[in-house]
C-alpha cells in the first residue's frame, strides 16, 4: 500500500525523498497529500533539520508526546480549540501549532472520515495545479534573471570595448608623436649636415680666393657679413597665432565636408577620428593646398598649433 502511494506521489511530480517523508509522517496517501500541501513552500533540507532538532528535544524531554499514529492503530482526531480545525494525527496538530502558534488542543471522539476517490482526485488535481503554477513562476523568474544577467554581461562587454578603444587611440597618438619626433630629429640632423657642408664649401672658396689674391699681389677679399634677419614691411598682425585658443577647420572628403572649431592643442589624430565618426570615411592623410603641404600619419601625433593650422585652415581628406 505504501509503495503504491509513493508511486502516485512520484508520478505527480514530487521528489522521491519528499514523497517518502510524506508517507512516513502520515502513514497513507490522504495524510501525505495534506502534509505536502502544508509544507509545499519549505525546502526538504529545512524540514529534515527541523525534524532532527525536534527529535533531539523530545529525547531530552520526558513529558514529550508520543509520535504520530501509525497505520493500523486506532485513529483519534485532535481539535484546535482556538480555530476549530481537526487533525488526524499528532504530527499534523504539531505542525499546525508551529505555523499558527496555537497551543490549546484537545482530543476529539469524532473520527475524520477518509477522503473519497473523488475528493482524492480533486485534491491531487489541486496539488498538481499548485505545483505547475509554482514551477511556472520559477520559470518566469529564471527568464527575468537570465535577461538581467545578459544585460549586465552586455554592459560589461561594452565598457571593456570602450576602454580598449580608448587605449588603442592613446597608443596610436603616442606612436604618431614618436614618429613625428623621429622625423623632426632626422630633419634637424640633415639641416645640420647641410649647414656644415655649406660652411666648409664657403671656407674652401674663401681660402682659394685668398691664395689666388696673394699670388696676384692684391688684397684678399673680405668675408661677406651675415645676412640680416628678414623683416616685413606689411601691416603687423593684430593678434599672433600663439594667442589663439581655437582654430576653425574646413575638411573636405569624398564622403562630404565638415566645418568645426577645435582647441589648438587638439592632435591631428583626434581631428581624423571626429571626421571619420561623422562622415564614415577612413582618414589616411590631410592635404593643405596653400601653402602646399601633406600631413600623413607621422604628423597625426602633432597638435594643430604645432602644425601651423591656426587660426584657420582648409584641408582635403584622403
C-alpha atoms as a PDB file:
ATOM      1  CA  UNK A   1       0.000   0.000   0.000  1.00  0.00           C
ATOM      2  CA  UNK A   2       2.727   2.460   0.971  1.00  0.00           C
ATOM      3  CA  UNK A   3       4.719   1.648  -2.172  1.00  0.00           C
ATOM      4  CA  UNK A   4       1.651   2.322  -4.305  1.00  0.00           C
ATOM      5  CA  UNK A   5       1.030   5.643  -2.558  1.00  0.00           C
ATOM      6  CA  UNK A   6       4.696   6.541  -3.065  1.00  0.00           C
ATOM      7  CA  UNK A   7       4.433   5.792  -6.785  1.00  0.00           C
ATOM      8  CA  UNK A   8       1.346   8.001  -7.016  1.00  0.00           C
ATOM      9  CA  UNK A   9       3.143  10.944  -5.406  1.00  0.00           C
ATOM     10  CA  UNK A  10       6.252  10.498  -7.587  1.00  0.00           C
ATOM     11  CA  UNK A  11       4.074  10.343 -10.715  1.00  0.00           C
ATOM     12  CA  UNK A  12       2.543  13.668  -9.663  1.00  0.00           C
ATOM     13  CA  UNK A  13       6.000  15.255  -9.873  1.00  0.00           C
ATOM     14  CA  UNK A  14       7.046  15.257  -6.226  1.00  0.00           C
ATOM     15  CA  UNK A  15      10.674  14.457  -5.475  1.00  0.00           C
ATOM     16  CA  UNK A  16      11.054  10.914  -4.178  1.00  0.00           C
ATOM     17  CA  UNK A  17      12.740  11.901  -0.838  1.00  0.00           C
ATOM     18  CA  UNK A  18       9.921  14.410  -0.141  1.00  0.00           C
ATOM     19  CA  UNK A  19       7.259  11.837  -1.059  1.00  0.00           C
ATOM     20  CA  UNK A  20       8.869   9.181   1.155  1.00  0.00           C
ATOM     21  CA  UNK A  21       8.967  11.620   4.075  1.00  0.00           C
ATOM     22  CA  UNK A  22       5.285  12.498   3.496  1.00  0.00           C
ATOM     23  CA  UNK A  23       4.281   8.807   3.591  1.00  0.00           C
ATOM     24  CA  UNK A  24       6.413   8.259   6.688  1.00  0.00           C
ATOM     25  CA  UNK A  25       4.860  11.183   8.545  1.00  0.00           C
ATOM     26  CA  UNK A  26       1.237  10.497   7.605  1.00  0.00           C
ATOM     27  CA  UNK A  27       1.016   6.752   7.050  1.00  0.00           C
ATOM     28  CA  UNK A  28      -1.095   6.987   3.882  1.00  0.00           C
ATOM     29  CA  UNK A  29      -1.894   8.893   0.708  1.00  0.00           C
ATOM     30  CA  UNK A  30      -4.557  11.126   2.218  1.00  0.00           C
ATOM     31  CA  UNK A  31      -2.391  12.353   5.089  1.00  0.00           C
ATOM     32  CA  UNK A  32       0.610  12.632   2.772  1.00  0.00           C
ATOM     33  CA  UNK A  33      -1.329  14.941   0.450  1.00  0.00           C
ATOM     34  CA  UNK A  34      -2.376  17.150   3.350  1.00  0.00           C
ATOM     35  CA  UNK A  35       1.170  17.269   4.721  1.00  0.00           C
ATOM     36  CA  UNK A  36       2.673  18.040   1.283  1.00  0.00           C
ATOM     37  CA  UNK A  37       0.183  20.872   0.808  1.00  0.00           C
ATOM     38  CA  UNK A  38       1.128  22.346   4.180  1.00  0.00           C
ATOM     39  CA  UNK A  39       4.899  22.246   3.569  1.00  0.00           C
ATOM     40  CA  UNK A  40       4.972  22.891  -0.194  1.00  0.00           C
ATOM     41  CA  UNK A  41       6.921  26.161   0.247  1.00  0.00           C
ATOM     42  CA  UNK A  42       9.574  24.683   2.555  1.00  0.00           C
ATOM     43  CA  UNK A  43      12.815  23.166   1.272  1.00  0.00           C
ATOM     44  CA  UNK A  44      13.362  19.498   2.155  1.00  0.00           C
ATOM     45  CA  UNK A  45      16.598  20.377   3.994  1.00  0.00           C
ATOM     46  CA  UNK A  46      14.711  22.755   6.302  1.00  0.00           C
ATOM     47  CA  UNK A  47      12.061  20.108   7.083  1.00  0.00           C
ATOM     48  CA  UNK A  48      14.587  17.375   7.889  1.00  0.00           C
ATOM     49  CA  UNK A  49      16.639  19.799  10.008  1.00  0.00           C
ATOM     50  CA  UNK A  50      13.542  20.775  11.985  1.00  0.00           C
ATOM     51  CA  UNK A  51      12.657  17.096  12.493  1.00  0.00           C
ATOM     52  CA  UNK A  52      16.164  16.367  13.741  1.00  0.00           C
ATOM     53  CA  UNK A  53      16.005  19.264  16.192  1.00  0.00           C
ATOM     54  CA  UNK A  54      12.575  18.173  17.422  1.00  0.00           C
ATOM     55  CA  UNK A  55      13.793  14.588  17.923  1.00  0.00           C
ATOM     56  CA  UNK A  56      16.716  15.865  19.994  1.00  0.00           C
ATOM     57  CA  UNK A  57      14.369  17.941  22.150  1.00  0.00           C
ATOM     58  CA  UNK A  58      11.962  15.022  22.618  1.00  0.00           C
ATOM     59  CA  UNK A  59      14.810  12.734  23.715  1.00  0.00           C
ATOM     60  CA  UNK A  60      15.683  15.230  26.444  1.00  0.00           C
ATOM     61  CA  UNK A  61      12.045  15.834  27.481  1.00  0.00           C
ATOM     62  CA  UNK A  62      10.400  13.031  29.498  1.00  0.00           C
ATOM     63  CA  UNK A  63       6.986  14.671  29.052  1.00  0.00           C
ATOM     64  CA  UNK A  64       7.204  14.661  25.261  1.00  0.00           C
ATOM     65  CA  UNK A  65       4.078  13.493  23.417  1.00  0.00           C
ATOM     66  CA  UNK A  66       4.128  10.160  21.565  1.00  0.00           C
ATOM     67  CA  UNK A  67       4.789  10.137  17.828  1.00  0.00           C
ATOM     68  CA  UNK A  68       2.092  10.301  15.149  1.00  0.00           C
ATOM     69  CA  UNK A  69      -0.314   7.406  14.752  1.00  0.00           C
ATOM     70  CA  UNK A  70       0.952   4.564  12.588  1.00  0.00           C
ATOM     71  CA  UNK A  71      -1.103   2.713  10.010  1.00  0.00           C
ATOM     72  CA  UNK A  72      -3.277   0.101  11.731  1.00  0.00           C
ATOM     73  CA  UNK A  73      -3.531   1.988  15.023  1.00  0.00           C
ATOM     74  CA  UNK A  74      -6.849   3.402  16.223  1.00  0.00           C
ATOM     75  CA  UNK A  75      -7.310   6.845  14.668  1.00  0.00           C
ATOM     76  CA  UNK A  76      -8.399   9.526  17.119  1.00  0.00           C
ATOM     77  CA  UNK A  77      -8.675  13.090  15.975  1.00  0.00           C
ATOM     78  CA  UNK A  78      -7.336  16.147  17.698  1.00  0.00           C
ATOM     79  CA  UNK A  79      -9.075  19.503  17.605  1.00  0.00           C
ATOM     80  CA  UNK A  80      -7.646  23.003  17.950  1.00  0.00           C
ATOM     81  CA  UNK A  81      -9.843  24.829  20.446  1.00  0.00           C
ATOM     82  CA  UNK A  82      -8.634  28.194  19.104  1.00  0.00           C
ATOM     83  CA  UNK A  83      -9.723  27.731  15.483  1.00  0.00           C
ATOM     84  CA  UNK A  84     -11.766  24.510  15.486  1.00  0.00           C
ATOM     85  CA  UNK A  85      -9.634  22.706  12.914  1.00  0.00           C
ATOM     86  CA  UNK A  86      -9.435  18.911  13.316  1.00  0.00           C
ATOM     87  CA  UNK A  87      -6.356  16.749  12.743  1.00  0.00           C
ATOM     88  CA  UNK A  88      -5.936  13.045  12.134  1.00  0.00           C
ATOM     89  CA  UNK A  89      -2.531  12.734  13.826  1.00  0.00           C
ATOM     90  CA  UNK A  90      -0.450  14.405  16.478  1.00  0.00           C
ATOM     91  CA  UNK A  91       2.207  15.319  13.883  1.00  0.00           C
ATOM     92  CA  UNK A  92      -0.378  17.322  11.931  1.00  0.00           C
ATOM     93  CA  UNK A  93      -1.526  19.106  15.078  1.00  0.00           C
ATOM     94  CA  UNK A  94       2.082  19.946  15.982  1.00  0.00           C
ATOM     95  CA  UNK A  95       2.718  21.315  12.513  1.00  0.00           C
ATOM     96  CA  UNK A  96      -0.448  23.437  12.811  1.00  0.00           C
ATOM     97  CA  UNK A  97       0.820  24.763  16.137  1.00  0.00           C
ATOM     98  CA  UNK A  98       4.209  25.682  14.658  1.00  0.00           C
ATOM     99  CA  UNK A  99       2.517  27.583  11.818  1.00  0.00           C
ATOM    100  CA  UNK A 100      -0.193  29.377  13.829  1.00  0.00           C
ATOM    101  CA  UNK A 101       1.305  29.451  17.354  1.00  0.00           C
ATOM    102  CA  UNK A 102      -1.968  27.924  18.643  1.00  0.00           C
ATOM    103  CA  UNK A 103      -1.413  25.986  21.855  1.00  0.00           C
ATOM    104  CA  UNK A 104      -4.892  24.886  23.014  1.00  0.00           C
ATOM    105  CA  UNK A 105      -5.577  21.376  21.645  1.00  0.00           C
ATOM    106  CA  UNK A 106      -7.861  18.592  22.870  1.00  0.00           C
ATOM    107  CA  UNK A 107      -8.741  15.038  21.877  1.00  0.00           C
ATOM    108  CA  UNK A 108     -11.923  14.512  19.921  1.00  0.00           C
ATOM    109  CA  UNK A 109     -14.069  11.417  19.732  1.00  0.00           C
ATOM    110  CA  UNK A 110     -15.012  12.388  16.185  1.00  0.00           C
ATOM    111  CA  UNK A 111     -13.101  10.476  13.593  1.00  0.00           C
ATOM    112  CA  UNK A 112     -12.082  12.290  10.432  1.00  0.00           C
ATOM    113  CA  UNK A 113     -13.656  10.474   7.537  1.00  0.00           C
ATOM    114  CA  UNK A 114     -11.176   9.348   4.865  1.00  0.00           C
ATOM    115  CA  UNK A 115     -11.298  11.066   1.527  1.00  0.00           C
ATOM    116  CA  UNK A 116     -13.487   9.577  -1.141  1.00  0.00           C
ATOM    117  CA  UNK A 117     -11.976   8.710  -4.513  1.00  0.00           C
ATOM    118  CA  UNK A 118     -13.494  11.891  -5.974  1.00  0.00           C
ATOM    119  CA  UNK A 119     -12.045  14.006  -3.144  1.00  0.00           C
ATOM    120  CA  UNK A 120      -8.662  12.350  -3.593  1.00  0.00           C
ATOM    121  CA  UNK A 121      -8.736  13.101  -7.329  1.00  0.00           C
ATOM    122  CA  UNK A 122      -9.769  16.715  -6.660  1.00  0.00           C
ATOM    123  CA  UNK A 123      -7.027  17.134  -4.065  1.00  0.00           C
ATOM    124  CA  UNK A 124      -4.457  15.585  -6.397  1.00  0.00           C
ATOM    125  CA  UNK A 125      -5.545  17.891  -9.213  1.00  0.00           C
ATOM    126  CA  UNK A 126      -5.352  20.941  -6.926  1.00  0.00           C
ATOM    127  CA  UNK A 127      -1.841  19.945  -5.855  1.00  0.00           C
ATOM    128  CA  UNK A 128      -0.839  19.401  -9.492  1.00  0.00           C
ATOM    129  CA  UNK A 129      -2.087  22.882 -10.396  1.00  0.00           C
ATOM    130  CA  UNK A 130      -0.272  24.475  -7.461  1.00  0.00           C
ATOM    131  CA  UNK A 131       2.888  22.613  -8.421  1.00  0.00           C
ATOM    132  CA  UNK A 132       2.566  23.718 -12.058  1.00  0.00           C
ATOM    133  CA  UNK A 133       1.938  27.345 -11.009  1.00  0.00           C
ATOM    134  CA  UNK A 134       4.962  27.276  -8.730  1.00  0.00           C
ATOM    135  CA  UNK A 135       7.186  25.831 -11.462  1.00  0.00           C
ATOM    136  CA  UNK A 136       5.806  28.345 -13.972  1.00  0.00           C
ATOM    137  CA  UNK A 137       6.572  31.167 -11.559  1.00  0.00           C
ATOM    138  CA  UNK A 138      10.098  29.842 -11.107  1.00  0.00           C
ATOM    139  CA  UNK A 139      10.464  29.585 -14.897  1.00  0.00           C
ATOM    140  CA  UNK A 140       9.394  33.215 -15.364  1.00  0.00           C
ATOM    141  CA  UNK A 141      11.815  34.289 -12.637  1.00  0.00           C
ATOM    142  CA  UNK A 142      14.554  32.302 -14.350  1.00  0.00           C
ATOM    143  CA  UNK A 143      13.833  34.205 -17.579  1.00  0.00           C
ATOM    144  CA  UNK A 144      13.977  37.541 -15.736  1.00  0.00           C
ATOM    145  CA  UNK A 145      17.239  36.565 -14.019  1.00  0.00           C
ATOM    146  CA  UNK A 146      18.711  35.373 -17.319  1.00  0.00           C
ATOM    147  CA  UNK A 147      17.779  38.629 -19.069  1.00  0.00           C
ATOM    148  CA  UNK A 148      19.222  40.698 -16.216  1.00  0.00           C
ATOM    149  CA  UNK A 149      22.448  38.706 -16.294  1.00  0.00           C
ATOM    150  CA  UNK A 150      22.645  39.127 -20.083  1.00  0.00           C
ATOM    151  CA  UNK A 151      22.141  42.904 -19.743  1.00  0.00           C
ATOM    152  CA  UNK A 152      24.935  43.030 -17.142  1.00  0.00           C
ATOM    153  CA  UNK A 153      27.197  40.982 -19.430  1.00  0.00           C
ATOM    154  CA  UNK A 154      26.482  43.229 -22.433  1.00  0.00           C
ATOM    155  CA  UNK A 155      27.103  46.376 -20.401  1.00  0.00           C
ATOM    156  CA  UNK A 156      30.359  44.948 -19.074  1.00  0.00           C
ATOM    157  CA  UNK A 157      31.422  43.931 -22.609  1.00  0.00           C
ATOM    158  CA  UNK A 158      30.633  47.407 -23.979  1.00  0.00           C
ATOM    159  CA  UNK A 159      32.544  49.106 -21.177  1.00  0.00           C
ATOM    160  CA  UNK A 160      35.509  46.800 -21.816  1.00  0.00           C
ATOM    161  CA  UNK A 161      35.384  47.550 -25.553  1.00  0.00           C
ATOM    162  CA  UNK A 162      35.215  51.311 -24.873  1.00  0.00           C
ATOM    163  CA  UNK A 163      38.262  51.060 -22.607  1.00  0.00           C
ATOM    164  CA  UNK A 164      40.137  49.068 -25.260  1.00  0.00           C
ATOM    165  CA  UNK A 165      39.208  51.611 -27.967  1.00  0.00           C
ATOM    166  CA  UNK A 166      40.349  54.477 -25.760  1.00  0.00           C
ATOM    167  CA  UNK A 167      43.652  52.744 -25.021  1.00  0.00           C
ATOM    168  CA  UNK A 168      44.107  51.984 -28.729  1.00  0.00           C
ATOM    169  CA  UNK A 169      43.567  55.656 -29.648  1.00  0.00           C
ATOM    170  CA  UNK A 170      46.029  56.784 -26.991  1.00  0.00           C
ATOM    171  CA  UNK A 171      48.609  54.289 -28.252  1.00  0.00           C
ATOM    172  CA  UNK A 172      48.100  55.499 -31.833  1.00  0.00           C
ATOM    173  CA  UNK A 173      48.553  59.123 -30.750  1.00  0.00           C
ATOM    174  CA  UNK A 174      51.650  58.183 -28.779  1.00  0.00           C
ATOM    175  CA  UNK A 175      53.053  56.241 -31.746  1.00  0.00           C
ATOM    176  CA  UNK A 176      52.327  59.125 -34.145  1.00  0.00           C
ATOM    177  CA  UNK A 177      54.022  61.596 -31.782  1.00  0.00           C
ATOM    178  CA  UNK A 178      57.068  59.336 -31.536  1.00  0.00           C
ATOM    179  CA  UNK A 179      57.266  59.031 -35.329  1.00  0.00           C
ATOM    180  CA  UNK A 180      56.931  62.788 -35.742  1.00  0.00           C
ATOM    181  CA  UNK A 181      59.665  63.383 -33.179  1.00  0.00           C
ATOM    182  CA  UNK A 182      61.939  60.936 -35.019  1.00  0.00           C
ATOM    183  CA  UNK A 183      61.195  62.736 -38.275  1.00  0.00           C
ATOM    184  CA  UNK A 184      61.969  66.127 -36.711  1.00  0.00           C
ATOM    185  CA  UNK A 185      65.253  64.789 -35.307  1.00  0.00           C
ATOM    186  CA  UNK A 186      66.127  63.374 -38.722  1.00  0.00           C
ATOM    187  CA  UNK A 187      65.289  66.666 -40.458  1.00  0.00           C
ATOM    188  CA  UNK A 188      67.326  68.631 -37.913  1.00  0.00           C
ATOM    189  CA  UNK A 189      70.288  66.280 -38.421  1.00  0.00           C
ATOM    190  CA  UNK A 190      70.052  66.702 -42.196  1.00  0.00           C
ATOM    191  CA  UNK A 191      69.897  70.506 -41.823  1.00  0.00           C
ATOM    192  CA  UNK A 192      72.985  70.459 -39.615  1.00  0.00           C
ATOM    193  CA  UNK A 193      74.816  68.345 -42.187  1.00  0.00           C
ATOM    194  CA  UNK A 194      73.745  70.685 -44.987  1.00  0.00           C
ATOM    195  CA  UNK A 195      74.857  73.727 -42.972  1.00  0.00           C
ATOM    196  CA  UNK A 196      78.209  72.089 -42.226  1.00  0.00           C
ATOM    197  CA  UNK A 197      78.735  71.226 -45.913  1.00  0.00           C
ATOM    198  CA  UNK A 198      77.815  74.776 -46.944  1.00  0.00           C
ATOM    199  CA  UNK A 199      80.149  76.256 -44.304  1.00  0.00           C
ATOM    200  CA  UNK A 200      83.018  74.006 -45.401  1.00  0.00           C
ATOM    201  CA  UNK A 201      82.387  74.895 -49.037  1.00  0.00           C
ATOM    202  CA  UNK A 202      82.383  78.624 -48.255  1.00  0.00           C
ATOM    203  CA  UNK A 203      85.526  78.246 -46.181  1.00  0.00           C
ATOM    204  CA  UNK A 204      87.307  76.494 -49.066  1.00  0.00           C
ATOM    205  CA  UNK A 205      86.119  79.146 -51.517  1.00  0.00           C
ATOM    206  CA  UNK A 206      87.444  81.958 -49.346  1.00  0.00           C
ATOM    207  CA  UNK A 207      90.736  80.123 -48.841  1.00  0.00           C
ATOM    208  CA  UNK A 208      91.169  79.630 -52.594  1.00  0.00           C
ATOM    209  CA  UNK A 209      90.381  83.271 -53.321  1.00  0.00           C
ATOM    210  CA  UNK A 210      92.810  84.391 -50.612  1.00  0.00           C
ATOM    211  CA  UNK A 211      95.596  82.246 -52.064  1.00  0.00           C
ATOM    212  CA  UNK A 212      94.820  83.493 -55.564  1.00  0.00           C
ATOM    213  CA  UNK A 213      94.884  87.129 -54.393  1.00  0.00           C
ATOM    214  CA  UNK A 214      98.255  86.565 -52.670  1.00  0.00           C
ATOM    215  CA  UNK A 215      99.703  85.102 -55.881  1.00  0.00           C
ATOM    216  CA  UNK A 216      98.416  88.055 -57.896  1.00  0.00           C
ATOM    217  CA  UNK A 217      99.670  90.564 -55.320  1.00  0.00           C
ATOM    218  CA  UNK A 218      96.312  92.062 -54.472  1.00  0.00           C
ATOM    219  CA  UNK A 219      94.360  92.359 -51.256  1.00  0.00           C
ATOM    220  CA  UNK A 220      92.427  89.335 -50.031  1.00  0.00           C
ATOM    221  CA  UNK A 221      88.647  89.554 -50.408  1.00  0.00           C
ATOM    222  CA  UNK A 222      86.650  90.357 -47.277  1.00  0.00           C
ATOM    223  CA  UNK A 223      84.265  87.649 -45.999  1.00  0.00           C
ATOM    224  CA  UNK A 224      80.649  88.634 -46.558  1.00  0.00           C
ATOM    225  CA  UNK A 225      78.761  89.764 -43.499  1.00  0.00           C
ATOM    226  CA  UNK A 226      75.944  87.615 -42.147  1.00  0.00           C
ATOM    227  CA  UNK A 227      72.652  88.298 -43.843  1.00  0.00           C
ATOM    228  CA  UNK A 228      70.354  90.466 -41.752  1.00  0.00           C
ATOM    229  CA  UNK A 229      67.208  88.961 -40.353  1.00  0.00           C
ATOM    230  CA  UNK A 230      64.262  89.229 -42.674  1.00  0.00           C
ATOM    231  CA  UNK A 231      61.799  91.926 -41.811  1.00  0.00           C
ATOM    232  CA  UNK A 232      58.336  92.569 -43.094  1.00  0.00           C
ATOM    233  CA  UNK A 233      57.080  95.841 -44.444  1.00  0.00           C
ATOM    234  CA  UNK A 234      53.454  94.734 -44.293  1.00  0.00           C
ATOM    235  CA  UNK A 235      50.986  95.581 -41.562  1.00  0.00           C
ATOM    236  CA  UNK A 236      51.584  93.972 -38.155  1.00  0.00           C
ATOM    237  CA  UNK A 237      49.015  91.349 -37.239  1.00  0.00           C
ATOM    238  CA  UNK A 238      46.695  92.491 -34.524  1.00  0.00           C
ATOM    239  CA  UNK A 239      46.788  89.072 -32.873  1.00  0.00           C
ATOM    240  CA  UNK A 240      49.623  86.494 -33.176  1.00  0.00           C
ATOM    241  CA  UNK A 241      48.791  82.861 -33.913  1.00  0.00           C
ATOM    242  CA  UNK A 242      50.091  81.854 -30.467  1.00  0.00           C
ATOM    243  CA  UNK A 243      47.346  83.927 -28.826  1.00  0.00           C
ATOM    244  CA  UNK A 244      44.516  81.815 -30.300  1.00  0.00           C
ATOM    245  CA  UNK A 245      42.970  79.035 -28.214  1.00  0.00           C
ATOM    246  CA  UNK A 246      40.786  77.661 -31.009  1.00  0.00           C
ATOM    247  CA  UNK A 247      41.144  77.133 -34.748  1.00  0.00           C
ATOM    248  CA  UNK A 248      38.442  76.635 -37.335  1.00  0.00           C
ATOM    249  CA  UNK A 249      38.975  73.843 -39.842  1.00  0.00           C
ATOM    250  CA  UNK A 250      37.171  73.132 -43.090  1.00  0.00           C
ATOM    251  CA  UNK A 251      37.585  69.475 -44.039  1.00  0.00           C
ATOM    252  CA  UNK A 252      36.602  68.212 -47.483  1.00  0.00           C
ATOM    253  CA  UNK A 253      36.462  64.464 -48.167  1.00  0.00           C
ATOM    254  CA  UNK A 254      34.940  62.099 -50.714  1.00  0.00           C
ATOM    255  CA  UNK A 255      32.016  61.405 -48.385  1.00  0.00           C
ATOM    256  CA  UNK A 256      31.227  65.041 -47.586  1.00  0.00           C
ATOM    257  CA  UNK A 257      32.579  68.116 -45.859  1.00  0.00           C
ATOM    258  CA  UNK A 258      32.725  69.370 -42.290  1.00  0.00           C
ATOM    259  CA  UNK A 259      33.407  72.729 -40.661  1.00  0.00           C
ATOM    260  CA  UNK A 260      34.242  72.686 -36.994  1.00  0.00           C
ATOM    261  CA  UNK A 261      36.234  74.579 -34.387  1.00  0.00           C
ATOM    262  CA  UNK A 262      38.857  72.682 -32.397  1.00  0.00           C
ATOM    263  CA  UNK A 263      41.115  73.659 -29.472  1.00  0.00           C
ATOM    264  CA  UNK A 264      44.606  74.441 -30.776  1.00  0.00           C
ATOM    265  CA  UNK A 265      46.025  71.623 -28.611  1.00  0.00           C
ATOM    266  CA  UNK A 266      43.895  69.030 -30.450  1.00  0.00           C
ATOM    267  CA  UNK A 267      46.006  66.456 -32.261  1.00  0.00           C
ATOM    268  CA  UNK A 268      45.507  65.743 -35.953  1.00  0.00           C
ATOM    269  CA  UNK A 269      44.662  62.145 -34.970  1.00  0.00           C
ATOM    270  CA  UNK A 270      41.687  63.393 -32.916  1.00  0.00           C
ATOM    271  CA  UNK A 271      40.527  65.534 -35.855  1.00  0.00           C
ATOM    272  CA  UNK A 272      40.701  62.437 -38.097  1.00  0.00           C
ATOM    273  CA  UNK A 273      38.658  60.436 -35.546  1.00  0.00           C
ATOM    274  CA  UNK A 274      35.927  63.120 -35.430  1.00  0.00           C
ATOM    275  CA  UNK A 275      35.747  63.325 -39.235  1.00  0.00           C
ATOM    276  CA  UNK A 276      35.598  59.541 -39.569  1.00  0.00           C
ATOM    277  CA  UNK A 277      32.837  59.203 -36.947  1.00  0.00           C
ATOM    278  CA  UNK A 278      30.695  61.908 -38.602  1.00  0.00           C
ATOM    279  CA  UNK A 279      31.325  61.148 -42.294  1.00  0.00           C
ATOM    280  CA  UNK A 280      32.246  57.473 -42.227  1.00  0.00           C
ATOM    281  CA  UNK A 281      35.411  57.998 -44.294  1.00  0.00           C
ATOM    282  CA  UNK A 282      38.665  56.486 -43.105  1.00  0.00           C
ATOM    283  CA  UNK A 283      41.407  59.136 -42.976  1.00  0.00           C
ATOM    284  CA  UNK A 284      44.899  58.321 -44.230  1.00  0.00           C
ATOM    285  CA  UNK A 285      46.235  61.876 -44.675  1.00  0.00           C
ATOM    286  CA  UNK A 286      45.325  65.578 -44.962  1.00  0.00           C
ATOM    287  CA  UNK A 287      46.398  67.875 -47.789  1.00  0.00           C
ATOM    288  CA  UNK A 288      46.743  71.651 -47.487  1.00  0.00           C
ATOM    289  CA  UNK A 289      46.659  73.419 -50.882  1.00  0.00           C
ATOM    290  CA  UNK A 290      48.149  76.751 -49.791  1.00  0.00           C
ATOM    291  CA  UNK A 291      50.841  76.561 -48.767  1.00  0.00           C
ATOM    292  CA  UNK A 292      51.096  73.107 -50.347  1.00  0.00           C
ATOM    293  CA  UNK A 293      51.687  70.523 -47.633  1.00  0.00           C
ATOM    294  CA  UNK A 294      50.748  66.905 -46.907  1.00  0.00           C
ATOM    295  CA  UNK A 295      50.110  65.746 -43.341  1.00  0.00           C
ATOM    296  CA  UNK A 296      50.429  61.961 -43.189  1.00  0.00           C
ATOM    297  CA  UNK A 297      50.084  59.633 -40.189  1.00  0.00           C
ATOM    298  CA  UNK A 298      53.549  60.613 -38.992  1.00  0.00           C
ATOM    299  CA  UNK A 299      52.104  64.079 -38.297  1.00  0.00           C
ATOM    300  CA  UNK A 300      48.929  62.765 -36.594  1.00  0.00           C
ATOM    301  CA  UNK A 301      50.526  62.984 -33.149  1.00  0.00           C
ATOM    302  CA  UNK A 302      51.185  66.745 -33.507  1.00  0.00           C
ATOM    303  CA  UNK A 303      48.766  69.429 -32.364  1.00  0.00           C
ATOM    304  CA  UNK A 304      47.056  71.866 -34.718  1.00  0.00           C
ATOM    305  CA  UNK A 305      49.141  74.630 -33.141  1.00  0.00           C
ATOM    306  CA  UNK A 306      52.400  72.778 -33.812  1.00  0.00           C
ATOM    307  CA  UNK A 307      51.396  72.164 -37.436  1.00  0.00           C
ATOM    308  CA  UNK A 308      50.608  75.851 -38.026  1.00  0.00           C
ATOM    309  CA  UNK A 309      46.895  75.283 -38.661  1.00  0.00           C
ATOM    310  CA  UNK A 310      45.903  78.313 -36.562  1.00  0.00           C
ATOM    311  CA  UNK A 311      43.659  80.369 -36.575  1.00  0.00           C
ATOM    312  CA  UNK A 312      42.009  78.578 -39.526  1.00  0.00           C
ATOM    313  CA  UNK A 313      42.796  76.125 -42.307  1.00  0.00           C
ATOM    314  CA  UNK A 314      41.216  74.253 -45.193  1.00  0.00           C
ATOM    315  CA  UNK A 315      42.269  70.617 -45.661  1.00  0.00           C
ATOM    316  CA  UNK A 316      41.456  67.880 -48.162  1.00  0.00           C
ATOM    317  CA  UNK A 317      40.871  64.462 -46.621  1.00  0.00           C
ATOM    318  CA  UNK A 318      42.405  61.410 -48.279  1.00  0.00           C
END
